[in-house]
Amino acid sequence: MSVVSIFPRVSCAVSLIVLAALPVVAQTPDSTSTGYLTRPNRSGTLIKLGTGLTRGLEYYGYSRAFFVPLVVSVEHHVTPAVSVFVNGLSSFNVGRRYRYYDNSRASILGNFGFDAGARYYYNQEKRRRKGRAAGPFVGNYLALQTSSVFNYTYYNSYLHSTLTAVWGMQRRIGKYGWFDAYIGAGVGRQSAYYNSINRVGLVPEIGIKFGLGSCLTRQVN
């Protein structure tokens, strides 16, 4: 099951969750937002570990296998408004592990892959003037990203790749918590299992992530 097949099935439900969650999180105060006003010459890298409604979240009704993703994210801001990022993910089966005819059991590991791209956090000054959370890694953003996903067990391990443009928002939750929600669309290329023709088409890009992380900062001269 790939992004081309699973995301259309859950896109409506996830979209409703995103829309419901955005107003609540958008009003959440950022305890460090004032720090960005008083320390504009700091550069940093955000490292976080999280999960949520994203790639790798899958359920197989026949085998009752339920895979939960674990995502390691590294985001570095080039300026207070622009950052580059890379995410690595792997999914783990926390449900039933299917038993094969030889009495062996299915792997606990599911899909794995990565995302990479760039973000532009817009209206930073306007958010500061209104007293809203702003600064590196915090705010509403536009992004362009590429993704590739593989599987540990399939004979053909390559599943799909995408190139998407998204709108999203990232906020702090307390001192170490992070919330990241995004929605967009792009082009996807799905692997063919039984022939040499790969399918290319439009795909949605929807996700909600909750994580724990910390910023590594340095002084800019």
Protein backbone atom coordinates (compact mmCIF):
# COMPACT_ATOMS: atom_id res chain seq x y z
CA MET A 1 0.00 0.00 0.00
CA SER A 2 1.57 3.30 -1.06
CA VAL A 3 0.95 7.01 -0.90
CA VAL A 4 -0.97 6.74 -4.16
CA SER A 5 -3.41 4.26 -2.63
CA ILE A 6 -3.64 5.02 1.10
CA PHE A 7 -3.73 8.80 1.17
CA PRO A 8 -6.80 9.22 -1.09
CA ARG A 9 -8.66 6.90 1.30
CA VAL A 10 -7.88 8.96 4.37
CA SER A 11 -7.48 12.42 2.88
CA CYS A 12 -11.03 13.54 3.73
CA ALA A 13 -10.78 12.41 7.34
CA VAL A 14 -7.30 13.85 7.79
CA SER A 15 -8.36 17.13 6.19
CA LEU A 16 -11.16 17.46 8.74
CA ILE A 17 -8.71 16.74 11.57
CA VAL A 18 -6.26 19.32 10.19
CA LEU A 19 -8.98 21.97 9.90
CA ALA A 20 -10.20 21.22 13.41
CA ALA A 21 -6.71 21.32 14.91
CA LEU A 22 -5.40 24.46 13.21
CA PRO A 23 -7.48 27.09 15.09
CA VAL A 24 -6.60 25.56 18.45
CA VAL A 25 -2.88 25.33 17.84
CA ALA A 26 -2.78 28.68 16.08
CA GLN A 27 -3.83 30.33 19.32
CA THR A 28 -1.30 28.44 21.45
CA PRO A 29 1.28 30.93 22.81
CA ASP A 30 4.91 30.20 22.11
CA SER A 31 6.91 30.58 25.29
CA THR A 32 10.03 31.39 23.28
CA SER A 33 8.55 33.76 20.70
CA THR A 34 9.78 36.86 22.54
CA GLY A 35 13.26 35.37 22.56
CA TYR A 36 13.35 35.61 18.78
CA LEU A 37 12.73 39.36 19.08
CA THR A 38 15.60 39.93 21.47
CA ARG A 39 18.05 37.49 19.86
CA PRO A 40 17.74 38.05 16.08
CA ASN A 41 21.36 37.05 15.40
CA ARG A 42 21.08 33.44 16.43
CA SER A 43 21.21 30.58 13.98
CA GLY A 44 20.14 27.07 14.78
CA THR A 45 19.14 23.54 13.91
CA LEU A 46 16.00 21.86 15.17
CA ILE A 47 16.22 18.11 15.85
CA LYS A 48 13.04 16.27 16.81
CA LEU A 49 11.54 12.81 17.06
CA GLY A 50 7.85 12.34 16.39
CA THR A 51 4.91 10.44 14.95
CA GLY A 52 1.41 11.15 13.68
CA LEU A 53 -0.75 10.99 10.57
CA THR A 54 1.99 10.75 8.00
CA ARG A 55 3.74 8.26 5.71
CA GLY A 56 4.10 4.83 7.25
CA LEU A 57 0.74 4.96 9.07
CA GLU A 58 -1.06 1.94 7.63
CA TYR A 59 -3.62 -0.70 8.55
CA TYR A 60 -4.13 -4.01 6.74
CA GLY A 61 -7.57 -5.41 7.45
CA TYR A 62 -6.81 -8.95 6.28
CA SER A 63 -3.81 -9.48 8.57
CA ARG A 64 -4.86 -6.86 11.15
CA ALA A 65 -1.38 -5.36 11.02
CA PHE A 66 -1.21 -1.76 12.20
CA PHE A 67 1.93 0.22 11.37
CA VAL A 68 2.89 3.38 13.25
CA PRO A 69 5.59 5.71 11.85
CA LEU A 70 8.55 7.07 13.77
CA VAL A 71 10.09 10.19 12.20
CA VAL A 72 13.47 11.78 12.89
CA SER A 73 13.55 15.37 11.63
CA VAL A 74 16.42 17.80 11.17
CA GLU A 75 15.60 21.37 10.14
CA HIS A 76 18.17 24.14 9.77
CA HIS A 77 17.20 27.76 9.27
CA VAL A 78 19.21 29.68 6.71
CA THR A 79 17.47 32.92 7.73
CA PRO A 80 14.73 33.47 10.35
CA ALA A 81 12.20 32.95 7.53
CA VAL A 82 13.85 30.25 5.37
CA SER A 83 14.90 26.75 6.37
CA VAL A 84 15.98 23.47 4.79
CA PHE A 85 15.02 20.10 6.24
CA VAL A 86 15.35 16.35 5.94
CA ASN A 87 13.17 13.70 7.60
CA GLY A 88 13.89 10.00 7.96
CA LEU A 89 11.06 7.63 8.81
CA SER A 90 10.46 3.98 9.60
CA SER A 91 7.16 2.31 10.49
CA PHE A 92 6.67 -0.42 13.09
CA ASN A 93 3.89 -2.99 13.37
CA VAL A 94 2.14 -2.60 16.73
CA GLY A 95 -0.79 -4.83 15.74
CA ARG A 96 -1.06 -8.49 14.76
CA ARG A 97 1.94 -10.05 13.02
CA TYR A 98 0.82 -12.36 10.24
CA ARG A 99 2.07 -15.96 10.43
CA TYR A 100 3.16 -17.58 7.14
CA TYR A 101 2.73 -21.19 6.04
CA ASP A 102 6.24 -22.07 7.25
CA ASN A 103 5.22 -20.79 10.73
CA SER A 104 7.45 -17.72 10.46
CA ARG A 105 5.97 -14.36 11.33
CA ALA A 106 5.83 -11.14 9.34
CA SER A 107 8.46 -8.52 10.07
CA ILE A 108 7.77 -5.90 12.68
CA LEU A 109 9.21 -3.34 10.24
CA GLY A 110 7.13 -1.79 7.47
CA ASN A 111 7.91 1.13 5.21
CA PHE A 112 10.90 3.43 5.47
CA GLY A 113 11.99 6.50 3.56
CA PHE A 114 12.87 10.18 3.67
CA ASP A 115 11.65 13.70 2.90
CA ALA A 116 13.81 16.66 1.97
CA GLY A 117 13.01 20.21 1.00
CA ALA A 118 12.87 23.89 1.89
CA ARG A 119 10.38 26.02 3.82
CA TYR A 120 9.52 29.71 3.76
CA TYR A 121 7.92 31.00 6.97
CA TYR A 122 5.94 34.00 5.72
CA ASN A 123 4.57 37.11 7.51
CA GLN A 124 7.10 36.86 10.33
CA GLU A 125 7.19 40.59 11.09
CA LYS A 126 3.40 40.84 10.97
CA ARG A 127 3.10 37.98 13.45
CA ARG A 128 5.57 39.66 15.80
CA ARG A 129 3.67 42.94 15.70
CA LYS A 130 0.48 41.09 16.63
CA GLY A 131 2.22 39.26 19.47
CA ARG A 132 1.94 35.85 17.79
CA ALA A 133 4.54 33.10 17.81
CA ALA A 134 7.23 33.78 15.21
CA GLY A 135 10.88 33.18 14.44
CA PRO A 136 12.95 30.24 13.19
CA PHE A 137 10.88 27.04 12.97
CA VAL A 138 7.68 28.75 14.19
CA GLY A 139 4.84 30.11 12.04
CA ASN A 140 2.93 29.38 8.87
CA TYR A 141 4.99 28.26 5.91
CA LEU A 142 5.09 27.34 2.23
CA ALA A 143 7.32 24.43 1.27
CA LEU A 144 8.58 22.42 -1.66
CA GLN A 145 9.67 18.88 -0.85
CA THR A 146 10.56 15.53 -2.37
CA SER A 147 9.90 12.14 -0.78
CA SER A 148 10.79 8.52 -1.44
CA VAL A 149 9.39 5.46 0.34
CA PHE A 150 10.61 1.85 0.41
CA ASN A 151 9.59 -1.39 2.14
CA TYR A 152 11.69 -3.87 4.12
CA THR A 153 9.96 -7.02 2.92
CA TYR A 154 8.76 -6.63 -0.66
CA TYR A 155 10.79 -8.20 -3.46
CA ASN A 156 10.75 -4.80 -5.15
CA SER A 157 11.58 -2.60 -2.18
CA TYR A 158 10.97 0.72 -3.96
CA LEU A 159 7.36 1.90 -3.50
CA HIS A 160 6.97 5.50 -4.62
CA SER A 161 8.41 9.01 -4.88
CA THR A 162 6.67 12.38 -4.80
CA LEU A 163 7.39 16.04 -5.49
CA THR A 164 4.89 18.28 -3.73
CA ALA A 165 4.15 21.88 -2.78
CA VAL A 166 2.50 22.35 0.61
CA TRP A 167 1.12 24.92 3.02
CA GLY A 168 1.68 24.21 6.67
CA MET A 169 2.09 25.50 10.18
CA GLN A 170 4.56 24.62 12.92
CA ARG A 171 4.18 25.53 16.58
CA ARG A 172 5.83 24.82 19.90
CA ILE A 173 3.95 22.92 22.59
CA GLY A 174 5.58 23.78 25.88
CA LYS A 175 9.36 23.64 26.09
CA TYR A 176 10.16 20.57 24.01
CA GLY A 177 6.93 19.68 22.20
CA TRP A 178 6.26 20.49 18.54
CA PHE A 179 3.17 20.42 16.33
CA ASP A 180 3.45 20.37 12.53
CA ALA A 181 0.44 20.18 10.17
CA TYR A 182 0.47 20.53 6.39
CA ILE A 183 -1.62 20.04 3.28
CA GLY A 184 -0.78 20.24 -0.41
CA ALA A 185 -0.46 18.34 -3.66
CA GLY A 186 2.06 17.30 -6.26
CA VAL A 187 3.21 14.57 -8.60
CA GLY A 188 3.89 10.99 -7.55
CA ARG A 189 5.61 8.04 -9.18
CA GLN A 190 4.49 4.60 -7.99
CA SER A 191 6.44 1.40 -8.52
CA ALA A 192 4.91 -1.31 -10.70
CA TYR A 193 5.05 -4.78 -9.20
CA TYR A 194 4.27 -6.98 -12.17
CA ASN A 195 5.58 -5.05 -15.17
CA SER A 196 8.17 -2.47 -16.06
CA ILE A 197 5.75 0.46 -16.32
CA ASN A 198 5.67 2.87 -13.41
CA ARG A 199 2.53 4.91 -12.79
CA VAL A 200 2.76 8.69 -12.52
CA GLY A 201 -0.08 10.89 -11.31
CA LEU A 202 -1.32 13.58 -8.97
CA VAL A 203 -1.11 12.83 -5.23
CA PRO A 204 -2.21 14.68 -2.08
CA GLU A 205 0.22 15.63 0.65
CA ILE A 206 -1.47 15.68 4.07
CA GLY A 207 -0.06 15.16 7.53
CA ILE A 208 -0.14 15.97 11.23
CA LYS A 209 2.93 15.33 13.35
CA PHE A 210 3.56 15.61 17.07
CA GLY A 211 7.14 15.45 18.27
CA LEU A 212 9.71 16.19 20.92
CA GLY A 213 12.76 18.16 19.99
CA SER A 214 15.29 20.84 20.82
CA CYS A 215 17.09 23.63 18.98
CA LEU A 216 20.85 23.71 18.76
CA THR A 217 21.82 27.37 18.39
CA ARG A 218 24.95 29.39 17.76
CA GLN A 219 25.73 33.11 17.76
CA VAL A 220 26.06 34.76 14.35
CA ASN A 221 28.70 37.49 14.14
